[in-house]
Amino acid sequence: MSTNAEQNPDWLGTAHVPADELARRQGVKPVANLDELARPELFESDDELDRFLADLYASRREGMA
């Protein structure tokens, strides 16, 4: 098994920064309302969503065999 540092050599020598500090630096604010995240227009049809989910599930199962 390899570590993230082995997979991402650019990370070598980079200091760990906690997630809350990264959020502060980037000006990220907590989500106040889940409706802010909703994107009903993301998929043009239920069929397109179904194809996306089928592909997603298949890709997740690929490494299990």
Protein backbone atom coordinates (compact mmCIF):
# COMPACT_ATOMS: atom_id res chain seq x y z
CA MET A 1 0.00 0.00 0.00
CA SER A 2 1.35 3.45 -0.86
CA THR A 3 0.91 6.68 1.05
CA ASN A 4 -0.42 9.95 -0.32
CA ALA A 5 3.12 11.33 -0.32
CA GLU A 6 4.26 8.45 -2.54
CA GLN A 7 1.37 9.02 -4.94
CA ASN A 8 1.84 12.82 -4.95
CA PRO A 9 5.55 13.67 -4.88
CA ASP A 10 4.72 17.40 -4.97
CA TRP A 11 3.42 17.00 -1.41
CA LEU A 12 6.83 15.98 -0.10
CA GLY A 13 8.10 18.65 2.23
CA THR A 14 4.72 20.37 2.40
CA ALA A 15 3.57 21.07 5.95
CA HIS A 16 0.21 19.69 7.05
CA VAL A 17 -2.45 22.40 7.33
CA PRO A 18 -5.65 21.55 9.21
CA ALA A 19 -8.89 21.77 7.20
CA ASP A 20 -10.29 24.58 9.35
CA GLU A 21 -7.15 26.64 8.69
CA LEU A 22 -7.40 26.02 4.93
CA ALA A 23 -11.05 27.09 5.03
CA ARG A 24 -10.11 30.27 6.91
CA ARG A 25 -7.35 31.09 4.40
CA GLN A 26 -9.68 30.54 1.46
CA GLY A 27 -12.58 32.46 2.99
CA VAL A 28 -14.83 29.40 2.96
CA LYS A 29 -18.01 29.81 5.01
CA PRO A 30 -20.30 27.06 6.38
CA VAL A 31 -23.37 26.22 4.34
CA ALA A 32 -26.31 27.99 5.98
CA ASN A 33 -28.99 26.40 3.80
CA LEU A 34 -28.79 23.11 1.91
CA ASP A 35 -30.83 24.64 -0.91
CA GLU A 36 -27.68 26.62 -1.77
CA LEU A 37 -26.11 23.33 -2.90
CA ALA A 38 -29.06 22.13 -4.97
CA ARG A 39 -28.54 22.13 -8.74
CA PRO A 40 -31.77 20.75 -10.25
CA GLU A 41 -30.55 21.62 -13.77
CA LEU A 42 -27.38 19.53 -13.39
CA PHE A 43 -28.85 16.59 -15.35
CA GLU A 44 -31.07 17.24 -18.33
CA SER A 45 -33.17 14.12 -17.74
CA ASP A 46 -33.74 11.23 -15.36
CA ASP A 47 -32.17 9.00 -18.00
CA GLU A 48 -28.96 11.04 -17.95
CA LEU A 49 -28.87 10.82 -14.14
CA ASP A 50 -29.42 7.05 -14.29
CA ARG A 51 -26.52 6.62 -16.75
CA PHE A 52 -24.27 8.75 -14.54
CA LEU A 53 -25.11 6.73 -11.42
CA ALA A 54 -24.63 3.42 -13.25
CA ASP A 55 -21.19 4.55 -14.42
CA LEU A 56 -20.30 5.80 -10.93
CA TYR A 57 -21.30 2.53 -9.27
CA ALA A 58 -19.45 0.49 -11.91
CA SER A 59 -16.28 2.51 -11.40
CA ARG A 60 -16.47 1.97 -7.64
CA ARG A 61 -16.79 -1.80 -8.11
CA GLU A 62 -13.85 -2.02 -10.55
CA GLY A 63 -11.19 -2.34 -7.85
CA MET A 64 -13.11 -4.90 -5.78
CA ALA A 65 -12.49 -7.91 -7.99
